[in-house]
Amino acid sequence: NGMFFDAIKFYTAALDIRPDNFYISRNLARLYIKVRQYSKAAEVYRTAIERCDWPDWRRRLRRRLVKLYSNTGRLPELAREYENRLSSSSVSEK
């Protein structure tokens, strides 16, 4: 377990240097999942989705996020989150 936490520390530092790097975000989220810190993994995925400029990579990150929520039984929470985000974006456009 100590090695996972050291790796998390190093990946977090690398992500601070290169915040838009898809591979660092993905690996950091995987490490959080291994140590069962699912909310932090979801946060990393959400941040990476917002920062990613490539549609294909964004799609992959979204799939991983949905899979994470599905595996942890929190899929309705994700649906509400996206519903709120969509409604707030449509209100801001008006």
PDB file of N, CA and C in Angstrom:
ATOM      1  N   ASN A   1       0.813  -1.205   0.000  1.00  0.00           N
ATOM      2  CA  ASN A   1       0.000   0.000   0.000  1.00  0.00           C
ATOM      3  C   ASN A   1       0.850   1.259   0.000  1.00  0.00           C
ATOM      4  N   GLY A   2       1.960   1.229   0.687  1.00  0.00           N
ATOM      5  CA  GLY A   2       2.821   2.398   0.719  1.00  0.00           C
ATOM      6  C   GLY A   2       3.295   2.801  -0.654  1.00  0.00           C
ATOM      7  N   MET A   3       3.515   1.825  -1.506  1.00  0.00           N
ATOM      8  CA  MET A   3       3.974   2.136  -2.863  1.00  0.00           C
ATOM      9  C   MET A   3       2.881   2.833  -3.661  1.00  0.00           C
ATOM     10  N   PHE A   4       1.624   2.439  -3.455  1.00  0.00           N
ATOM     11  CA  PHE A   4       0.524   3.090  -4.154  1.00  0.00           C
ATOM     12  C   PHE A   4       0.432   4.556  -3.731  1.00  0.00           C
ATOM     13  N   PHE A   5       0.568   4.802  -2.441  1.00  0.00           N
ATOM     14  CA  PHE A   5       0.456   6.181  -1.969  1.00  0.00           C
ATOM     15  C   PHE A   5       1.635   7.036  -2.437  1.00  0.00           C
ATOM     16  N   ASP A   6       2.821   6.432  -2.539  1.00  0.00           N
ATOM     17  CA  ASP A   6       3.959   7.161  -3.109  1.00  0.00           C
ATOM     18  C   ASP A   6       3.698   7.471  -4.581  1.00  0.00           C
ATOM     19  N   ALA A   7       3.176   6.501  -5.295  1.00  0.00           N
ATOM     20  CA  ALA A   7       2.867   6.712  -6.712  1.00  0.00           C
ATOM     21  C   ALA A   7       1.800   7.791  -6.883  1.00  0.00           C
ATOM     22  N   ILE A   8       0.805   7.795  -6.004  1.00  0.00           N
ATOM     23  CA  ILE A   8      -0.233   8.839  -6.062  1.00  0.00           C
ATOM     24  C   ILE A   8       0.401  10.210  -5.867  1.00  0.00           C
ATOM     25  N   LYS A   9       1.320  10.299  -4.919  1.00  0.00           N
ATOM     26  CA  LYS A   9       1.987  11.573  -4.654  1.00  0.00           C
ATOM     27  C   LYS A   9       2.761  12.038  -5.898  1.00  0.00           C
ATOM     28  N   PHE A  10       3.471  11.117  -6.545  1.00  0.00           N
ATOM     29  CA  PHE A  10       4.260  11.484  -7.722  1.00  0.00           C
ATOM     30  C   PHE A  10       3.380  11.832  -8.925  1.00  0.00           C
ATOM     31  N   TYR A  11       2.303  11.077  -9.119  1.00  0.00           N
ATOM     32  CA  TYR A  11       1.389  11.387 -10.222  1.00  0.00           C
ATOM     33  C   TYR A  11       0.673  12.718  -9.985  1.00  0.00           C
ATOM     34  N   THR A  12       0.350  13.011  -8.743  1.00  0.00           N
ATOM     35  CA  THR A  12      -0.290  14.295  -8.432  1.00  0.00           C
ATOM     36  C   THR A  12       0.666  15.446  -8.749  1.00  0.00           C
ATOM     37  N   ALA A  13       1.930  15.280  -8.397  1.00  0.00           N
ATOM     38  CA  ALA A  13       2.927  16.308  -8.717  1.00  0.00           C
ATOM     39  C   ALA A  13       3.092  16.450 -10.228  1.00  0.00           C
ATOM     40  N   ALA A  14       3.108  15.332 -10.935  1.00  0.00           N
ATOM     41  CA  ALA A  14       3.222  15.387 -12.398  1.00  0.00           C
ATOM     42  C   ALA A  14       2.000  16.060 -13.017  1.00  0.00           C
ATOM     43  N   LEU A  15       0.836  15.819 -12.437  1.00  0.00           N
ATOM     44  CA  LEU A  15      -0.389  16.433 -12.958  1.00  0.00           C
ATOM     45  C   LEU A  15      -0.401  17.932 -12.696  1.00  0.00           C
ATOM     46  N   ASP A  16       0.232  18.371 -11.605  1.00  0.00           N
ATOM     47  CA  ASP A  16       0.357  19.808 -11.354  1.00  0.00           C
ATOM     48  C   ASP A  16       1.229  20.475 -12.415  1.00  0.00           C
ATOM     49  N   ILE A  17       2.227  19.742 -12.899  1.00  0.00           N
ATOM     50  CA  ILE A  17       3.122  20.280 -13.927  1.00  0.00           C
ATOM     51  C   ILE A  17       2.456  20.249 -15.304  1.00  0.00           C
ATOM     52  N   ARG A  18       1.789  19.126 -15.619  1.00  0.00           N
ATOM     53  CA  ARG A  18       1.130  18.967 -16.924  1.00  0.00           C
ATOM     54  C   ARG A  18      -0.350  18.640 -16.709  1.00  0.00           C
ATOM     55  N   PRO A  19      -1.173  19.626 -16.383  1.00  0.00           N
ATOM     56  CA  PRO A  19      -2.573  19.359 -16.021  1.00  0.00           C
ATOM     57  C   PRO A  19      -3.445  18.822 -17.147  1.00  0.00           C
ATOM     58  N   ASP A  20      -3.027  18.980 -18.392  1.00  0.00           N
ATOM     59  CA  ASP A  20      -3.857  18.524 -19.504  1.00  0.00           C
ATOM     60  C   ASP A  20      -3.436  17.155 -20.033  1.00  0.00           C
ATOM     61  N   ASN A  21      -2.532  16.472 -19.329  1.00  0.00           N
ATOM     62  CA  ASN A  21      -2.027  15.188 -19.797  1.00  0.00           C
ATOM     63  C   ASN A  21      -3.020  14.068 -19.480  1.00  0.00           C
ATOM     64  N   PHE A  22      -3.544  13.461 -20.515  1.00  0.00           N
ATOM     65  CA  PHE A  22      -4.540  12.399 -20.403  1.00  0.00           C
ATOM     66  C   PHE A  22      -3.986  11.173 -19.680  1.00  0.00           C
ATOM     67  N   TYR A  23      -2.768  10.800 -19.996  1.00  0.00           N
ATOM     68  CA  TYR A  23      -2.190   9.572 -19.433  1.00  0.00           C
ATOM     69  C   TYR A  23      -1.925   9.694 -17.936  1.00  0.00           C
ATOM     70  N   ILE A  24      -1.451  10.848 -17.510  1.00  0.00           N
ATOM     71  CA  ILE A  24      -1.208  11.051 -16.088  1.00  0.00           C
ATOM     72  C   ILE A  24      -2.530  10.997 -15.323  1.00  0.00           C
ATOM     73  N   SER A  25      -3.549  11.661 -15.849  1.00  0.00           N
ATOM     74  CA  SER A  25      -4.863  11.661 -15.188  1.00  0.00           C
ATOM     75  C   SER A  25      -5.424  10.254 -15.095  1.00  0.00           C
ATOM     76  N   ARG A  26      -5.334   9.521 -16.177  1.00  0.00           N
ATOM     77  CA  ARG A  26      -5.858   8.160 -16.194  1.00  0.00           C
ATOM     78  C   ARG A  26      -5.147   7.273 -15.177  1.00  0.00           C
ATOM     79  N   ASN A  27      -3.823   7.364 -15.145  1.00  0.00           N
ATOM     80  CA  ASN A  27      -3.059   6.532 -14.210  1.00  0.00           C
ATOM     81  C   ASN A  27      -3.302   6.939 -12.760  1.00  0.00           C
ATOM     82  N   LEU A  28      -3.442   8.225 -12.507  1.00  0.00           N
ATOM     83  CA  LEU A  28      -3.734   8.685 -11.151  1.00  0.00           C
ATOM     84  C   LEU A  28      -5.095   8.180 -10.689  1.00  0.00           C
ATOM     85  N   ALA A  29      -6.087   8.256 -11.569  1.00  0.00           N
ATOM     86  CA  ALA A  29      -7.423   7.758 -11.219  1.00  0.00           C
ATOM     87  C   ALA A  29      -7.384   6.257 -10.955  1.00  0.00           C
ATOM     88  N   ARG A  30      -6.633   5.521 -11.749  1.00  0.00           N
ATOM     89  CA  ARG A  30      -6.508   4.072 -11.523  1.00  0.00           C
ATOM     90  C   ARG A  30      -5.902   3.770 -10.158  1.00  0.00           C
ATOM     91  N   LEU A  31      -4.904   4.558  -9.779  1.00  0.00           N
ATOM     92  CA  LEU A  31      -4.288   4.351  -8.465  1.00  0.00           C
ATOM     93  C   LEU A  31      -5.276   4.642  -7.340  1.00  0.00           C
ATOM     94  N   TYR A  32      -6.062   5.709  -7.491  1.00  0.00           N
ATOM     95  CA  TYR A  32      -7.086   5.999  -6.482  1.00  0.00           C
ATOM     96  C   TYR A  32      -8.092   4.849  -6.374  1.00  0.00           C
ATOM     97  N   ILE A  33      -8.419   4.251  -7.507  1.00  0.00           N
ATOM     98  CA  ILE A  33      -9.348   3.120  -7.491  1.00  0.00           C
ATOM     99  C   ILE A  33      -8.715   1.934  -6.762  1.00  0.00           C
ATOM    100  N   LYS A  34      -7.430   1.705  -6.983  1.00  0.00           N
ATOM    101  CA  LYS A  34      -6.757   0.580  -6.318  1.00  0.00           C
ATOM    102  C   LYS A  34      -6.754   0.725  -4.806  1.00  0.00           C
ATOM    103  N   VAL A  35      -6.655   1.962  -4.322  1.00  0.00           N
ATOM    104  CA  VAL A  35      -6.660   2.174  -2.868  1.00  0.00           C
ATOM    105  C   VAL A  35      -8.061   2.517  -2.361  1.00  0.00           C
ATOM    106  N   ARG A  36      -9.049   2.305  -3.226  1.00  0.00           N
ATOM    107  CA  ARG A  36     -10.474   2.459  -2.908  1.00  0.00           C
ATOM    108  C   ARG A  36     -10.870   3.880  -2.493  1.00  0.00           C
ATOM    109  N   GLN A  37     -10.271   4.854  -3.128  1.00  0.00           N
ATOM    110  CA  GLN A  37     -10.653   6.242  -2.928  1.00  0.00           C
ATOM    111  C   GLN A  37     -11.409   6.689  -4.181  1.00  0.00           C
ATOM    112  N   TYR A  38     -12.645   6.204  -4.278  1.00  0.00           N
ATOM    113  CA  TYR A  38     -13.429   6.356  -5.497  1.00  0.00           C
ATOM    114  C   TYR A  38     -13.832   7.803  -5.772  1.00  0.00           C
ATOM    115  N   SER A  39     -14.122   8.556  -4.747  1.00  0.00           N
ATOM    116  CA  SER A  39     -14.528   9.947  -4.984  1.00  0.00           C
ATOM    117  C   SER A  39     -13.364  10.767  -5.541  1.00  0.00           C
ATOM    118  N   LYS A  40     -12.149  10.495  -5.077  1.00  0.00           N
ATOM    119  CA  LYS A  40     -10.989  11.203  -5.626  1.00  0.00           C
ATOM    120  C   LYS A  40     -10.734  10.784  -7.070  1.00  0.00           C
ATOM    121  N   ALA A  41     -10.935   9.505  -7.369  1.00  0.00           N
ATOM    122  CA  ALA A  41     -10.773   9.031  -8.747  1.00  0.00           C
ATOM    123  C   ALA A  41     -11.785   9.724  -9.655  1.00  0.00           C
ATOM    124  N   ALA A  42     -13.027   9.833  -9.199  1.00  0.00           N
ATOM    125  CA  ALA A  42     -14.053  10.506  -9.992  1.00  0.00           C
ATOM    126  C   ALA A  42     -13.705  11.971 -10.204  1.00  0.00           C
ATOM    127  N   GLU A  43     -13.160  12.596  -9.184  1.00  0.00           N
ATOM    128  CA  GLU A  43     -12.766  13.997  -9.306  1.00  0.00           C
ATOM    129  C   GLU A  43     -11.656  14.173 -10.347  1.00  0.00           C
ATOM    130  N   VAL A  44     -10.701  13.259 -10.362  1.00  0.00           N
ATOM    131  CA  VAL A  44      -9.620  13.311 -11.355  1.00  0.00           C
ATOM    132  C   VAL A  44     -10.197  13.137 -12.759  1.00  0.00           C
ATOM    133  N   TYR A  45     -11.100  12.172 -12.918  1.00  0.00           N
ATOM    134  CA  TYR A  45     -11.725  11.961 -14.228  1.00  0.00           C
ATOM    135  C   TYR A  45     -12.501  13.203 -14.666  1.00  0.00           C
ATOM    136  N   ARG A  46     -13.306  13.782 -13.764  1.00  0.00           N
ATOM    137  CA  ARG A  46     -14.094  14.965 -14.125  1.00  0.00           C
ATOM    138  C   ARG A  46     -13.206  16.125 -14.548  1.00  0.00           C
ATOM    139  N   THR A  47     -12.141  16.362 -13.799  1.00  0.00           N
ATOM    140  CA  THR A  47     -11.214  17.441 -14.138  1.00  0.00           C
ATOM    141  C   THR A  47     -10.546  17.182 -15.480  1.00  0.00           C
ATOM    142  N   ALA A  48     -10.154  15.950 -15.718  1.00  0.00           N
ATOM    143  CA  ALA A  48      -9.505  15.604 -16.989  1.00  0.00           C
ATOM    144  C   ALA A  48     -10.472  15.781 -18.157  1.00  0.00           C
ATOM    145  N   ILE A  49     -11.733  15.425 -17.963  1.00  0.00           N
ATOM    146  CA  ILE A  49     -12.736  15.590 -19.020  1.00  0.00           C
ATOM    147  C   ILE A  49     -12.886  17.066 -19.371  1.00  0.00           C
ATOM    148  N   GLU A  50     -12.907  17.929 -18.359  1.00  0.00           N
ATOM    149  CA  GLU A  50     -13.062  19.363 -18.595  1.00  0.00           C
ATOM    150  C   GLU A  50     -11.856  19.960 -19.311  1.00  0.00           C
ATOM    151  N   ARG A  51     -10.669  19.457 -19.030  1.00  0.00           N
ATOM    152  CA  ARG A  51      -9.446  20.024 -19.592  1.00  0.00           C
ATOM    153  C   ARG A  51      -9.045  19.430 -20.933  1.00  0.00           C
ATOM    154  N   CYS A  52      -9.565  18.274 -21.266  1.00  0.00           N
ATOM    155  CA  CYS A  52      -9.134  17.557 -22.466  1.00  0.00           C
ATOM    156  C   CYS A  52      -9.694  18.222 -23.727  1.00  0.00           C
ATOM    157  N   ASP A  53      -8.833  18.418 -24.702  1.00  0.00           N
ATOM    158  CA  ASP A  53      -9.232  19.055 -25.958  1.00  0.00           C
ATOM    159  C   ASP A  53      -9.603  18.064 -27.055  1.00  0.00           C
ATOM    160  N   TRP A  54      -9.259  16.803 -26.866  1.00  0.00           N
ATOM    161  CA  TRP A  54      -9.497  15.806 -27.900  1.00  0.00           C
ATOM    162  C   TRP A  54     -10.776  15.034 -27.619  1.00  0.00           C
ATOM    163  N   PRO A  55     -11.751  15.080 -28.529  1.00  0.00           N
ATOM    164  CA  PRO A  55     -13.049  14.418 -28.312  1.00  0.00           C
ATOM    165  C   PRO A  55     -12.941  12.917 -28.035  1.00  0.00           C
ATOM    166  N   ASP A  56     -12.046  12.249 -28.732  1.00  0.00           N
ATOM    167  CA  ASP A  56     -11.910  10.800 -28.537  1.00  0.00           C
ATOM    168  C   ASP A  56     -11.433  10.482 -27.119  1.00  0.00           C
ATOM    169  N   TRP A  57     -10.475  11.229 -26.628  1.00  0.00           N
ATOM    170  CA  TRP A  57      -9.970  11.004 -25.273  1.00  0.00           C
ATOM    171  C   TRP A  57     -11.014  11.375 -24.238  1.00  0.00           C
ATOM    172  N   ARG A  58     -11.758  12.469 -24.494  1.00  0.00           N
ATOM    173  CA  ARG A  58     -12.838  12.862 -23.576  1.00  0.00           C
ATOM    174  C   ARG A  58     -13.872  11.759 -23.467  1.00  0.00           C
ATOM    175  N   ARG A  59     -14.189  11.158 -24.600  1.00  0.00           N
ATOM    176  CA  ARG A  59     -15.156  10.055 -24.626  1.00  0.00           C
ATOM    177  C   ARG A  59     -14.656   8.883 -23.784  1.00  0.00           C
ATOM    178  N   ARG A  60     -13.385   8.559 -23.920  1.00  0.00           N
ATOM    179  CA  ARG A  60     -12.801   7.464 -23.131  1.00  0.00           C
ATOM    180  C   ARG A  60     -12.847   7.768 -21.639  1.00  0.00           C
ATOM    181  N   LEU A  61     -12.523   9.001 -21.286  1.00  0.00           N
ATOM    182  CA  LEU A  61     -12.567   9.389 -19.878  1.00  0.00           C
ATOM    183  C   LEU A  61     -13.990   9.322 -19.336  1.00  0.00           C
ATOM    184  N   ARG A  62     -14.952   9.767 -20.136  1.00  0.00           N
ATOM    185  CA  ARG A  62     -16.359   9.682 -19.698  1.00  0.00           C
ATOM    186  C   ARG A  62     -16.779   8.243 -19.480  1.00  0.00           C
ATOM    187  N   ARG A  63     -16.358   7.352 -20.395  1.00  0.00           N
ATOM    188  CA  ARG A  63     -16.683   5.928 -20.226  1.00  0.00           C
ATOM    189  C   ARG A  63     -16.099   5.372 -18.938  1.00  0.00           C
ATOM    190  N   ARG A  64     -14.877   5.750 -18.636  1.00  0.00           N
ATOM    191  CA  ARG A  64     -14.246   5.288 -17.397  1.00  0.00           C
ATOM    192  C   ARG A  64     -14.977   5.840 -16.170  1.00  0.00           C
ATOM    193  N   LEU A  65     -15.397   7.102 -16.257  1.00  0.00           N
ATOM    194  CA  LEU A  65     -16.132   7.702 -15.149  1.00  0.00           C
ATOM    195  C   LEU A  65     -17.472   7.003 -14.941  1.00  0.00           C
ATOM    196  N   VAL A  66     -18.176   6.735 -16.028  1.00  0.00           N
ATOM    197  CA  VAL A  66     -19.455   6.031 -15.925  1.00  0.00           C
ATOM    198  C   VAL A  66     -19.248   4.624 -15.361  1.00  0.00           C
ATOM    199  N   LYS A  67     -18.201   3.958 -15.801  1.00  0.00           N
ATOM    200  CA  LYS A  67     -17.902   2.618 -15.285  1.00  0.00           C
ATOM    201  C   LYS A  67     -17.599   2.672 -13.789  1.00  0.00           C
ATOM    202  N   LEU A  68     -16.856   3.681 -13.366  1.00  0.00           N
ATOM    203  CA  LEU A  68     -16.549   3.841 -11.946  1.00  0.00           C
ATOM    204  C   LEU A  68     -17.820   4.045 -11.139  1.00  0.00           C
ATOM    205  N   TYR A  69     -18.690   4.939 -11.590  1.00  0.00           N
ATOM    206  CA  TYR A  69     -19.947   5.183 -10.881  1.00  0.00           C
ATOM    207  C   TYR A  69     -20.835   3.950 -10.906  1.00  0.00           C
ATOM    208  N   SER A  70     -20.828   3.235 -12.006  1.00  0.00           N
ATOM    209  CA  SER A  70     -21.631   2.020 -12.112  1.00  0.00           C
ATOM    210  C   SER A  70     -21.140   0.950 -11.140  1.00  0.00           C
ATOM    211  N   ASN A  71     -19.836   0.777 -11.060  1.00  0.00           N
ATOM    212  CA  ASN A  71     -19.261  -0.236 -10.167  1.00  0.00           C
ATOM    213  C   ASN A  71     -19.440   0.095  -8.694  1.00  0.00           C
ATOM    214  N   THR A  72     -19.546   1.375  -8.376  1.00  0.00           N
ATOM    215  CA  THR A  72     -19.704   1.773  -6.985  1.00  0.00           C
ATOM    216  C   THR A  72     -21.159   2.032  -6.616  1.00  0.00           C
ATOM    217  N   GLY A  73     -22.076   1.846  -7.562  1.00  0.00           N
ATOM    218  CA  GLY A  73     -23.495   2.017  -7.283  1.00  0.00           C
ATOM    219  C   GLY A  73     -23.940   3.464  -7.200  1.00  0.00           C
ATOM    220  N   ARG A  74     -23.174   4.353  -7.781  1.00  0.00           N
ATOM    221  CA  ARG A  74     -23.491   5.780  -7.696  1.00  0.00           C
ATOM    222  C   ARG A  74     -23.893   6.364  -9.044  1.00  0.00           C
ATOM    223  N   LEU A  75     -24.371   5.518  -9.950  1.00  0.00           N
ATOM    224  CA  LEU A  75     -24.731   5.969 -11.292  1.00  0.00           C
ATOM    225  C   LEU A  75     -25.846   7.024 -11.280  1.00  0.00           C
ATOM    226  N   PRO A  76     -26.897   6.890 -10.445  1.00  0.00           N
ATOM    227  CA  PRO A  76     -27.910   7.946 -10.405  1.00  0.00           C
ATOM    228  C   PRO A  76     -27.336   9.313 -10.002  1.00  0.00           C
ATOM    229  N   GLU A  77     -26.329   9.294  -9.154  1.00  0.00           N
ATOM    230  CA  GLU A  77     -25.680  10.543  -8.751  1.00  0.00           C
ATOM    231  C   GLU A  77     -25.010  11.222  -9.938  1.00  0.00           C
ATOM    232  N   LEU A  78     -24.354  10.425 -10.782  1.00  0.00           N
ATOM    233  CA  LEU A  78     -23.718  10.960 -11.984  1.00  0.00           C
ATOM    234  C   LEU A  78     -24.764  11.527 -12.945  1.00  0.00           C
ATOM    235  N   ALA A  79     -25.873  10.832 -13.086  1.00  0.00           N
ATOM    236  CA  ALA A  79     -26.938  11.310 -13.974  1.00  0.00           C
ATOM    237  C   ALA A  79     -27.478  12.653 -13.483  1.00  0.00           C
ATOM    238  N   ARG A  80     -27.685  12.776 -12.182  1.00  0.00           N
ATOM    239  CA  ARG A  80     -28.162  14.059 -11.629  1.00  0.00           C
ATOM    240  C   ARG A  80     -27.148  15.174 -11.852  1.00  0.00           C
ATOM    241  N   GLU A  81     -25.877  14.836 -11.691  1.00  0.00           N
ATOM    242  CA  GLU A  81     -24.820  15.828 -11.877  1.00  0.00           C
ATOM    243  C   GLU A  81     -24.823  16.367 -13.303  1.00  0.00           C
ATOM    244  N   TYR A  82     -24.907  15.481 -14.288  1.00  0.00           N
ATOM    245  CA  TYR A  82     -24.924  15.923 -15.684  1.00  0.00           C
ATOM    246  C   TYR A  82     -26.223  16.653 -16.022  1.00  0.00           C
ATOM    247  N   GLU A  83     -27.312  16.228 -15.422  1.00  0.00           N
ATOM    248  CA  GLU A  83     -28.582  16.915 -15.637  1.00  0.00           C
ATOM    249  C   GLU A  83     -28.508  18.345 -15.113  1.00  0.00           C
ATOM    250  N   ASN A  84     -27.941  18.521 -13.937  1.00  0.00           N
ATOM    251  CA  ASN A  84     -27.773  19.860 -13.365  1.00  0.00           C
ATOM    252  C   ASN A  84     -26.833  20.713 -14.211  1.00  0.00           C
ATOM    253  N   ARG A  85     -25.792  20.089 -14.711  1.00  0.00           N
ATOM    254  CA  ARG A  85     -24.836  20.815 -15.537  1.00  0.00           C
ATOM    255  C   ARG A  85     -25.483  21.282 -16.838  1.00  0.00           C
ATOM    256  N   LEU A  86     -26.301  20.412 -17.443  1.00  0.00           N
ATOM    257  CA  LEU A  86     -26.985  20.780 -18.674  1.00  0.00           C
ATOM    258  C   LEU A  86     -27.991  21.899 -18.438  1.00  0.00           C
ATOM    259  N   SER A  87     -28.731  21.810 -17.350  1.00  0.00           N
ATOM    260  CA  SER A  87     -29.733  22.844 -17.073  1.00  0.00           C
ATOM    261  C   SER A  87     -29.068  24.167 -16.738  1.00  0.00           C
ATOM    262  N   SER A  88     -27.938  24.153 -16.052  1.00  0.00           N
ATOM    263  CA  SER A  88     -27.260  25.410 -15.735  1.00  0.00           C
ATOM    264  C   SER A  88     -26.624  26.024 -16.977  1.00  0.00           C
ATOM    265  N   SER A  89     -26.151  25.207 -17.905  1.00  0.00           N
ATOM    266  CA  SER A  89     -25.572  25.759 -19.133  1.00  0.00           C
ATOM    267  C   SER A  89     -26.631  26.348 -20.041  1.00  0.00           C
ATOM    268  N   SER A  90     -27.841  25.745 -20.062  1.00  0.00           N
ATOM    269  CA  SER A  90     -28.908  26.300 -20.889  1.00  0.00           C
ATOM    270  C   SER A  90     -29.448  27.586 -20.296  1.00  0.00           C
ATOM    271  N   VAL A  91     -29.428  27.726 -18.987  1.00  0.00           N
ATOM    272  CA  VAL A  91     -29.865  28.957 -18.338  1.00  0.00           C
ATOM    273  C   VAL A  91     -28.857  30.071 -18.590  1.00  0.00           C
ATOM    274  N   SER A  92     -27.571  29.745 -18.547  1.00  0.00           N
ATOM    275  CA  SER A  92     -26.543  30.763 -18.761  1.00  0.00           C
ATOM    276  C   SER A  92     -26.502  31.250 -20.210  1.00  0.00           C
ATOM    277  N   GLU A  93     -26.960  30.420 -21.146  1.00  0.00           N
ATOM    278  CA  GLU A  93     -26.990  30.822 -22.550  1.00  0.00           C
ATOM    279  C   GLU A  93     -28.108  31.815 -22.846  1.00  0.00           C
ATOM    280  N   LYS A  94     -29.155  31.797 -22.029  1.00  0.00           N
ATOM    281  CA  LYS A  94     -30.311  32.687 -22.288  1.00  0.00           C
ATOM    282  C   LYS A  94     -30.086  34.082 -21.881  1.00  0.00           C
TER     283      LYS A  94
END
